[in-house]
């Protein structure tokens, strides 16, 4: 457990605002590769001991982050409506 809860929650708020600005929730591999990550990788390990613990704290700080940043499936395109053909006119004699 983290000894300093204030640092832990301040870091979680920083991560949450950074992920919201990027528009997605990062995995550990993506976070390590990000050049503009707000907290150094070793800082994450020191504060939270693992990425899962960091994400758990982010969810506590910002409860709606996963729902807001979840990948939304695009609705299936609707097929075009078939045009109705006009009935042929019958010539009267």
C-alpha atoms as a PDB file:
ATOM      1  CA  UNK A   1       0.000   0.000   0.000  1.00  0.00           C
ATOM      2  CA  UNK A   2       1.152   3.517  -0.675  1.00  0.00           C
ATOM      3  CA  UNK A   3       2.266   5.402   2.419  1.00  0.00           C
ATOM      4  CA  UNK A   4       1.291   8.792   1.146  1.00  0.00           C
ATOM      5  CA  UNK A   5      -2.315   8.739  -0.024  1.00  0.00           C
ATOM      6  CA  UNK A   6      -2.254  12.392  -1.046  1.00  0.00           C
ATOM      7  CA  UNK A   7       0.526  11.691  -3.572  1.00  0.00           C
ATOM      8  CA  UNK A   8      -1.285   8.608  -4.795  1.00  0.00           C
ATOM      9  CA  UNK A   9      -4.551  10.427  -5.466  1.00  0.00           C
ATOM     10  CA  UNK A  10      -2.830  13.487  -6.919  1.00  0.00           C
ATOM     11  CA  UNK A  11      -1.014  11.174  -9.343  1.00  0.00           C
ATOM     12  CA  UNK A  12      -4.265   9.401 -10.189  1.00  0.00           C
ATOM     13  CA  UNK A  13      -5.960  12.724 -10.963  1.00  0.00           C
ATOM     14  CA  UNK A  14      -3.005  13.647 -13.165  1.00  0.00           C
ATOM     15  CA  UNK A  15      -3.273  10.335 -15.033  1.00  0.00           C
ATOM     16  CA  UNK A  16      -7.042  10.708 -15.424  1.00  0.00           C
ATOM     17  CA  UNK A  17      -6.837  14.225 -16.872  1.00  0.00           C
ATOM     18  CA  UNK A  18      -4.006  13.175 -19.202  1.00  0.00           C
ATOM     19  CA  UNK A  19      -5.979  10.154 -20.465  1.00  0.00           C
ATOM     20  CA  UNK A  20      -9.059  12.318 -20.970  1.00  0.00           C
ATOM     21  CA  UNK A  21      -7.003  14.799 -23.001  1.00  0.00           C
ATOM     22  CA  UNK A  22      -5.709  11.924 -25.140  1.00  0.00           C
ATOM     23  CA  UNK A  23      -9.183  10.409 -25.487  1.00  0.00           C
ATOM     24  CA  UNK A  24      -8.344   6.837 -24.520  1.00  0.00           C
ATOM     25  CA  UNK A  25      -7.367   4.603 -21.635  1.00  0.00           C
ATOM     26  CA  UNK A  26      -3.789   3.438 -21.990  1.00  0.00           C
ATOM     27  CA  UNK A  27      -2.340   0.015 -21.307  1.00  0.00           C
ATOM     28  CA  UNK A  28       1.045  -0.253 -19.593  1.00  0.00           C
ATOM     29  CA  UNK A  29       2.851  -0.897 -22.884  1.00  0.00           C
ATOM     30  CA  UNK A  30       1.197   2.122 -24.519  1.00  0.00           C
ATOM     31  CA  UNK A  31       1.956   4.288 -21.487  1.00  0.00           C
ATOM     32  CA  UNK A  32       5.633   3.293 -21.511  1.00  0.00           C
ATOM     33  CA  UNK A  33       5.873   4.194 -25.193  1.00  0.00           C
ATOM     34  CA  UNK A  34       4.110   7.547 -24.793  1.00  0.00           C
ATOM     35  CA  UNK A  35       6.642  10.383 -25.076  1.00  0.00           C
ATOM     36  CA  UNK A  36       4.524  12.871 -23.126  1.00  0.00           C
ATOM     37  CA  UNK A  37       3.455  10.705 -20.171  1.00  0.00           C
ATOM     38  CA  UNK A  38       2.875  12.913 -17.102  1.00  0.00           C
ATOM     39  CA  UNK A  39       4.496  10.551 -14.577  1.00  0.00           C
ATOM     40  CA  UNK A  40       7.732   8.666 -15.170  1.00  0.00           C
ATOM     41  CA  UNK A  41       7.455   4.890 -15.398  1.00  0.00           C
ATOM     42  CA  UNK A  42       9.475   4.391 -12.235  1.00  0.00           C
ATOM     43  CA  UNK A  43       7.192   6.877 -10.484  1.00  0.00           C
ATOM     44  CA  UNK A  44       4.193   4.711 -11.323  1.00  0.00           C
ATOM     45  CA  UNK A  45       5.976   1.664  -9.922  1.00  0.00           C
ATOM     46  CA  UNK A  46       7.038   3.509  -6.770  1.00  0.00           C
ATOM     47  CA  UNK A  47       3.604   4.960  -6.094  1.00  0.00           C
ATOM     48  CA  UNK A  48       1.320   2.106  -7.075  1.00  0.00           C
ATOM     49  CA  UNK A  49       3.552  -1.004  -7.416  1.00  0.00           C
ATOM     50  CA  UNK A  50       1.762  -1.982 -10.642  1.00  0.00           C
ATOM     51  CA  UNK A  51      -0.239  -0.525 -13.505  1.00  0.00           C
ATOM     52  CA  UNK A  52      -3.362  -2.349 -12.340  1.00  0.00           C
ATOM     53  CA  UNK A  53      -3.165  -0.629  -8.953  1.00  0.00           C
ATOM     54  CA  UNK A  54      -2.659   2.719 -10.703  1.00  0.00           C
ATOM     55  CA  UNK A  55      -5.734   2.158 -12.862  1.00  0.00           C
ATOM     56  CA  UNK A  56      -7.730   1.086  -9.821  1.00  0.00           C
ATOM     57  CA  UNK A  57      -6.852   4.392  -8.170  1.00  0.00           C
ATOM     58  CA  UNK A  58      -7.714   6.313 -11.358  1.00  0.00           C
ATOM     59  CA  UNK A  59     -11.141   4.649 -11.339  1.00  0.00           C
ATOM     60  CA  UNK A  60     -11.646   5.765  -7.722  1.00  0.00           C
ATOM     61  CA  UNK A  61     -10.737   9.352  -8.546  1.00  0.00           C
ATOM     62  CA  UNK A  62     -12.669   9.548 -11.827  1.00  0.00           C
ATOM     63  CA  UNK A  63     -15.530   7.054 -11.728  1.00  0.00           C
ATOM     64  CA  UNK A  64     -16.832   7.723 -15.233  1.00  0.00           C
ATOM     65  CA  UNK A  65     -13.537   7.592 -17.117  1.00  0.00           C
ATOM     66  CA  UNK A  66     -14.022   4.092 -18.528  1.00  0.00           C
ATOM     67  CA  UNK A  67     -17.561   4.785 -19.675  1.00  0.00           C
ATOM     68  CA  UNK A  68     -16.567   8.095 -21.247  1.00  0.00           C
ATOM     69  CA  UNK A  69     -13.432   6.862 -23.005  1.00  0.00           C
ATOM     70  CA  UNK A  70     -14.620   3.385 -24.009  1.00  0.00           C
ATOM     71  CA  UNK A  71     -14.335   2.635 -27.696  1.00  0.00           C
ATOM     72  CA  UNK A  72     -17.792   3.183 -29.073  1.00  0.00           C
ATOM     73  CA  UNK A  73     -18.894   0.799 -31.789  1.00  0.00           C
ATOM     74  CA  UNK A  74     -20.103   2.483 -34.914  1.00  0.00           C
ATOM     75  CA  UNK A  75     -23.715   1.663 -35.756  1.00  0.00           C
ATOM     76  CA  UNK A  76     -24.213  -0.583 -38.736  1.00  0.00           C
ATOM     77  CA  UNK A  77     -25.029   1.378 -41.871  1.00  0.00           C
ATOM     78  CA  UNK A  78     -28.674   1.194 -42.831  1.00  0.00           C
ATOM     79  CA  UNK A  79     -29.324  -0.254 -46.255  1.00  0.00           C
ATOM     80  CA  UNK A  80     -30.735   2.209 -48.778  1.00  0.00           C
ATOM     81  CA  UNK A  81     -34.487   2.097 -49.180  1.00  0.00           C
ATOM     82  CA  UNK A  82     -35.706   0.378 -52.318  1.00  0.00           C
ATOM     83  CA  UNK A  83     -37.518   2.678 -54.720  1.00  0.00           C
ATOM     84  CA  UNK A  84     -41.060   1.696 -55.488  1.00  0.00           C
ATOM     85  CA  UNK A  85     -41.751   1.198 -59.151  1.00  0.00           C
ATOM     86  CA  UNK A  86     -44.838   2.866 -60.525  1.00  0.00           C
ATOM     87  CA  UNK A  87     -47.524   0.521 -61.796  1.00  0.00           C
ATOM     88  CA  UNK A  88     -47.682   0.427 -65.571  1.00  0.00           C
ATOM     89  CA  UNK A  89     -50.510   2.479 -67.026  1.00  0.00           C
ATOM     90  CA  UNK A  90     -53.143   0.582 -68.914  1.00  0.00           C
ATOM     91  CA  UNK A  91     -54.308   2.261 -72.109  1.00  0.00           C
ATOM     92  CA  UNK A  92     -58.088   2.355 -72.367  1.00  0.00           C
ATOM     93  CA  UNK A  93     -59.680   1.845 -75.740  1.00  0.00           C
END
